[in-house]
Amino acid sequence: MKCMPSEIKATVVDDALHGAMADLCRGGSWEGVVRGVAWRVASTDPDEPRSIETLAEAAEAIFASLIEDAFAVVGAVVDEAWDGFLELRPGDEESALAAARLDAFEESAQLVESMVERVLETLQPGIKRAA
């Protein structure tokens, strides 16, 4: 079975993650999003001793690390989709690429959405959310 060329794989992963990040940021920046998370932490706990700047720096570091991890996760999803499709339809690389893109976008959307929650949980493990 033919492997997806690495430059195409990198483009698929980048496009998927950048698209998911753009959806999350709604025209802003990811730093702004995580600053909002830091503000949530500071405002939900009146006993929180850390300043908003300290919380924002921590949130940015956590989120940046999660973004780096997401590249590997989405890359693995791309490989799995490509290989799985070509196993079913050998030689149909165009459709395999389309399947890999779709799976990458779906995985990226889920990952980016969960990253904000992970930052929040890391900064304030005891936070209670309304159901």
C-alpha atoms as a PDB file:
ATOM      1  CA  MET A   1       0.000   0.000   0.000  1.00  0.00           C
ATOM      2  CA  LYS A   2       1.276   3.464  -0.903  1.00  0.00           C
ATOM      3  CA  CYS A   3       1.918   5.901   1.936  1.00  0.00           C
ATOM      4  CA  MET A   4       0.535   9.417   1.753  1.00  0.00           C
ATOM      5  CA  PRO A   5       3.339  11.797   0.738  1.00  0.00           C
ATOM      6  CA  SER A   6       4.603  13.615   3.831  1.00  0.00           C
ATOM      7  CA  GLU A   7       4.110  17.108   2.382  1.00  0.00           C
ATOM      8  CA  ILE A   8       0.464  16.336   1.589  1.00  0.00           C
ATOM      9  CA  LYS A   9      -0.059  14.842   5.034  1.00  0.00           C
ATOM     10  CA  ALA A  10       1.442  17.940   6.674  1.00  0.00           C
ATOM     11  CA  THR A  11      -0.878  20.166   4.626  1.00  0.00           C
ATOM     12  CA  VAL A  12      -3.948  18.118   5.560  1.00  0.00           C
ATOM     13  CA  VAL A  13      -3.053  18.226   9.263  1.00  0.00           C
ATOM     14  CA  ASP A  14      -2.240  21.952   9.173  1.00  0.00           C
ATOM     15  CA  ASP A  15      -5.421  22.828   7.298  1.00  0.00           C
ATOM     16  CA  ALA A  16      -7.583  20.819   9.679  1.00  0.00           C
ATOM     17  CA  LEU A  17      -6.072  22.244  12.838  1.00  0.00           C
ATOM     18  CA  HIS A  18      -5.986  25.798  11.516  1.00  0.00           C
ATOM     19  CA  GLY A  19      -9.651  25.500  10.511  1.00  0.00           C
ATOM     20  CA  ALA A  20     -10.638  24.220  13.934  1.00  0.00           C
ATOM     21  CA  MET A  21      -8.641  26.977  15.622  1.00  0.00           C
ATOM     22  CA  ALA A  22     -10.278  29.616  13.405  1.00  0.00           C
ATOM     23  CA  ASP A  23     -13.695  28.294  14.413  1.00  0.00           C
ATOM     24  CA  LEU A  24     -12.720  28.437  18.085  1.00  0.00           C
ATOM     25  CA  CYS A  25     -11.259  31.947  17.882  1.00  0.00           C
ATOM     26  CA  ARG A  26     -14.075  33.468  15.809  1.00  0.00           C
ATOM     27  CA  GLY A  27     -11.799  36.108  14.322  1.00  0.00           C
ATOM     28  CA  GLY A  28      -9.629  36.509  17.406  1.00  0.00           C
ATOM     29  CA  SER A  29      -6.502  34.711  18.513  1.00  0.00           C
ATOM     30  CA  TRP A  30      -5.984  31.560  20.517  1.00  0.00           C
ATOM     31  CA  GLU A  31      -4.150  33.687  23.085  1.00  0.00           C
ATOM     32  CA  GLY A  32      -7.337  35.711  23.502  1.00  0.00           C
ATOM     33  CA  VAL A  33      -9.351  32.545  23.963  1.00  0.00           C
ATOM     34  CA  VAL A  34      -7.062  31.234  26.695  1.00  0.00           C
ATOM     35  CA  ARG A  35      -6.983  34.654  28.366  1.00  0.00           C
ATOM     36  CA  GLY A  36     -10.761  34.302  28.533  1.00  0.00           C
ATOM     37  CA  VAL A  37     -10.316  30.927  30.213  1.00  0.00           C
ATOM     38  CA  ALA A  38      -7.901  32.499  32.711  1.00  0.00           C
ATOM     39  CA  TRP A  39     -10.436  35.221  33.408  1.00  0.00           C
ATOM     40  CA  ARG A  40     -13.131  32.565  34.016  1.00  0.00           C
ATOM     41  CA  VAL A  41     -10.893  30.875  36.556  1.00  0.00           C
ATOM     42  CA  ALA A  42     -10.083  34.120  38.332  1.00  0.00           C
ATOM     43  CA  SER A  43     -13.707  35.267  38.388  1.00  0.00           C
ATOM     44  CA  THR A  44     -15.258  31.975  39.544  1.00  0.00           C
ATOM     45  CA  ASP A  45     -13.053  31.601  42.598  1.00  0.00           C
ATOM     46  CA  PRO A  46     -12.903  34.679  44.845  1.00  0.00           C
ATOM     47  CA  ASP A  47     -10.155  32.995  46.846  1.00  0.00           C
ATOM     48  CA  GLU A  48      -7.930  32.535  43.765  1.00  0.00           C
ATOM     49  CA  PRO A  49      -4.594  34.048  44.819  1.00  0.00           C
ATOM     50  CA  ARG A  50      -3.007  34.121  41.361  1.00  0.00           C
ATOM     51  CA  SER A  51      -3.223  37.226  39.223  1.00  0.00           C
ATOM     52  CA  ILE A  52      -4.930  37.193  35.866  1.00  0.00           C
ATOM     53  CA  GLU A  53      -1.502  37.602  34.209  1.00  0.00           C
ATOM     54  CA  THR A  54      -0.117  34.545  35.983  1.00  0.00           C
ATOM     55  CA  LEU A  55      -3.203  32.539  35.056  1.00  0.00           C
ATOM     56  CA  ALA A  56      -3.055  33.763  31.447  1.00  0.00           C
ATOM     57  CA  GLU A  57       0.604  32.789  31.105  1.00  0.00           C
ATOM     58  CA  ALA A  58      -0.126  29.346  32.526  1.00  0.00           C
ATOM     59  CA  ALA A  59      -3.160  28.939  30.254  1.00  0.00           C
ATOM     60  CA  GLU A  60      -1.141  29.917  27.166  1.00  0.00           C
ATOM     61  CA  ALA A  61       1.621  27.452  28.026  1.00  0.00           C
ATOM     62  CA  ILE A  62      -0.851  24.615  28.588  1.00  0.00           C
ATOM     63  CA  PHE A  63      -2.753  25.386  25.389  1.00  0.00           C
ATOM     64  CA  ALA A  64       0.437  25.646  23.311  1.00  0.00           C
ATOM     65  CA  SER A  65       1.493  22.230  24.567  1.00  0.00           C
ATOM     66  CA  LEU A  66      -1.909  20.780  23.686  1.00  0.00           C
ATOM     67  CA  ILE A  67      -1.668  22.252  20.191  1.00  0.00           C
ATOM     68  CA  GLU A  68       1.689  20.548  19.670  1.00  0.00           C
ATOM     69  CA  ASP A  69       0.200  17.249  20.837  1.00  0.00           C
ATOM     70  CA  ALA A  70      -2.758  17.718  18.497  1.00  0.00           C
ATOM     71  CA  PHE A  71      -0.505  17.673  15.425  1.00  0.00           C
ATOM     72  CA  ALA A  72       0.596  14.130  16.243  1.00  0.00           C
ATOM     73  CA  VAL A  73      -2.943  12.967  17.020  1.00  0.00           C
ATOM     74  CA  VAL A  74      -4.401  14.403  13.814  1.00  0.00           C
ATOM     75  CA  GLY A  75      -1.455  13.018  11.842  1.00  0.00           C
ATOM     76  CA  ALA A  76      -2.241   9.541  13.132  1.00  0.00           C
ATOM     77  CA  VAL A  77      -5.907   9.986  12.166  1.00  0.00           C
ATOM     78  CA  VAL A  78      -4.861  11.024   8.654  1.00  0.00           C
ATOM     79  CA  ASP A  79      -2.654   7.939   8.306  1.00  0.00           C
ATOM     80  CA  GLU A  80      -5.405   5.655   9.574  1.00  0.00           C
ATOM     81  CA  ALA A  81      -8.029   7.121   7.237  1.00  0.00           C
ATOM     82  CA  TRP A  82      -5.692   6.987   4.229  1.00  0.00           C
ATOM     83  CA  ASP A  83      -4.630   3.415   4.897  1.00  0.00           C
ATOM     84  CA  GLY A  84      -8.138   2.245   5.736  1.00  0.00           C
ATOM     85  CA  PHE A  85      -9.618   3.712   2.583  1.00  0.00           C
ATOM     86  CA  LEU A  86      -6.917   2.320   0.322  1.00  0.00           C
ATOM     87  CA  GLU A  87      -7.353  -1.082   1.908  1.00  0.00           C
ATOM     88  CA  LEU A  88     -10.985  -1.026   0.792  1.00  0.00           C
ATOM     89  CA  ARG A  89     -10.371   0.639  -2.568  1.00  0.00           C
ATOM     90  CA  PRO A  90      -6.766   0.116  -3.667  1.00  0.00           C
ATOM     91  CA  GLY A  91      -5.434   2.783  -5.991  1.00  0.00           C
ATOM     92  CA  ASP A  92      -8.167   5.360  -5.291  1.00  0.00           C
ATOM     93  CA  GLU A  93      -5.807   7.918  -3.788  1.00  0.00           C
ATOM     94  CA  GLU A  94      -8.029  10.892  -4.581  1.00  0.00           C
ATOM     95  CA  SER A  95     -10.873   9.474  -2.505  1.00  0.00           C
ATOM     96  CA  ALA A  96      -8.450   8.330   0.192  1.00  0.00           C
ATOM     97  CA  LEU A  97      -7.200  11.915   0.451  1.00  0.00           C
ATOM     98  CA  ALA A  98     -10.771  13.189   0.738  1.00  0.00           C
ATOM     99  CA  ALA A  99     -11.477  10.663   3.512  1.00  0.00           C
ATOM    100  CA  ALA A 100      -8.292  11.654   5.327  1.00  0.00           C
ATOM    101  CA  ARG A 101      -9.217  15.344   5.111  1.00  0.00           C
ATOM    102  CA  LEU A 102     -12.698  14.703   6.460  1.00  0.00           C
ATOM    103  CA  ASP A 103     -11.422  12.630   9.371  1.00  0.00           C
ATOM    104  CA  ALA A 104      -8.707  15.216  10.098  1.00  0.00           C
ATOM    105  CA  PHE A 105     -11.243  18.051  10.230  1.00  0.00           C
ATOM    106  CA  GLU A 106     -13.574  16.071  12.500  1.00  0.00           C
ATOM    107  CA  GLU A 107     -10.766  15.073  14.858  1.00  0.00           C
ATOM    108  CA  SER A 108      -9.364  18.606  14.907  1.00  0.00           C
ATOM    109  CA  ALA A 109     -12.729  20.107  15.818  1.00  0.00           C
ATOM    110  CA  GLN A 110     -13.119  17.681  18.712  1.00  0.00           C
ATOM    111  CA  LEU A 111      -9.545  18.179  19.915  1.00  0.00           C
ATOM    112  CA  VAL A 112      -9.649  21.964  19.839  1.00  0.00           C
ATOM    113  CA  GLU A 113     -12.969  22.027  21.643  1.00  0.00           C
ATOM    114  CA  SER A 114     -11.632  19.752  24.358  1.00  0.00           C
ATOM    115  CA  MET A 115      -8.393  21.731  24.724  1.00  0.00           C
ATOM    116  CA  VAL A 116     -10.206  24.727  26.193  1.00  0.00           C
ATOM    117  CA  GLU A 117     -11.858  22.469  28.768  1.00  0.00           C
ATOM    118  CA  ARG A 118      -8.519  20.826  29.573  1.00  0.00           C
ATOM    119  CA  VAL A 119      -6.923  24.222  30.191  1.00  0.00           C
ATOM    120  CA  LEU A 120      -9.805  25.169  32.462  1.00  0.00           C
ATOM    121  CA  GLU A 121      -9.622  21.877  34.350  1.00  0.00           C
ATOM    122  CA  THR A 122      -5.863  22.211  34.764  1.00  0.00           C
ATOM    123  CA  LEU A 123      -6.025  25.753  36.094  1.00  0.00           C
ATOM    124  CA  GLN A 124      -8.889  25.072  38.460  1.00  0.00           C
ATOM    125  CA  PRO A 125      -9.484  21.359  39.026  1.00  0.00           C
ATOM    126  CA  GLY A 126     -12.380  21.876  41.421  1.00  0.00           C
ATOM    127  CA  ILE A 127     -14.482  24.128  39.206  1.00  0.00           C
ATOM    128  CA  LYS A 128     -18.131  23.189  39.091  1.00  0.00           C
ATOM    129  CA  ARG A 129     -19.956  23.575  35.797  1.00  0.00           C
ATOM    130  CA  ALA A 130     -23.665  23.857  35.362  1.00  0.00           C
ATOM    131  CA  ALA A 131     -25.130  20.831  33.619  1.00  0.00           C
END
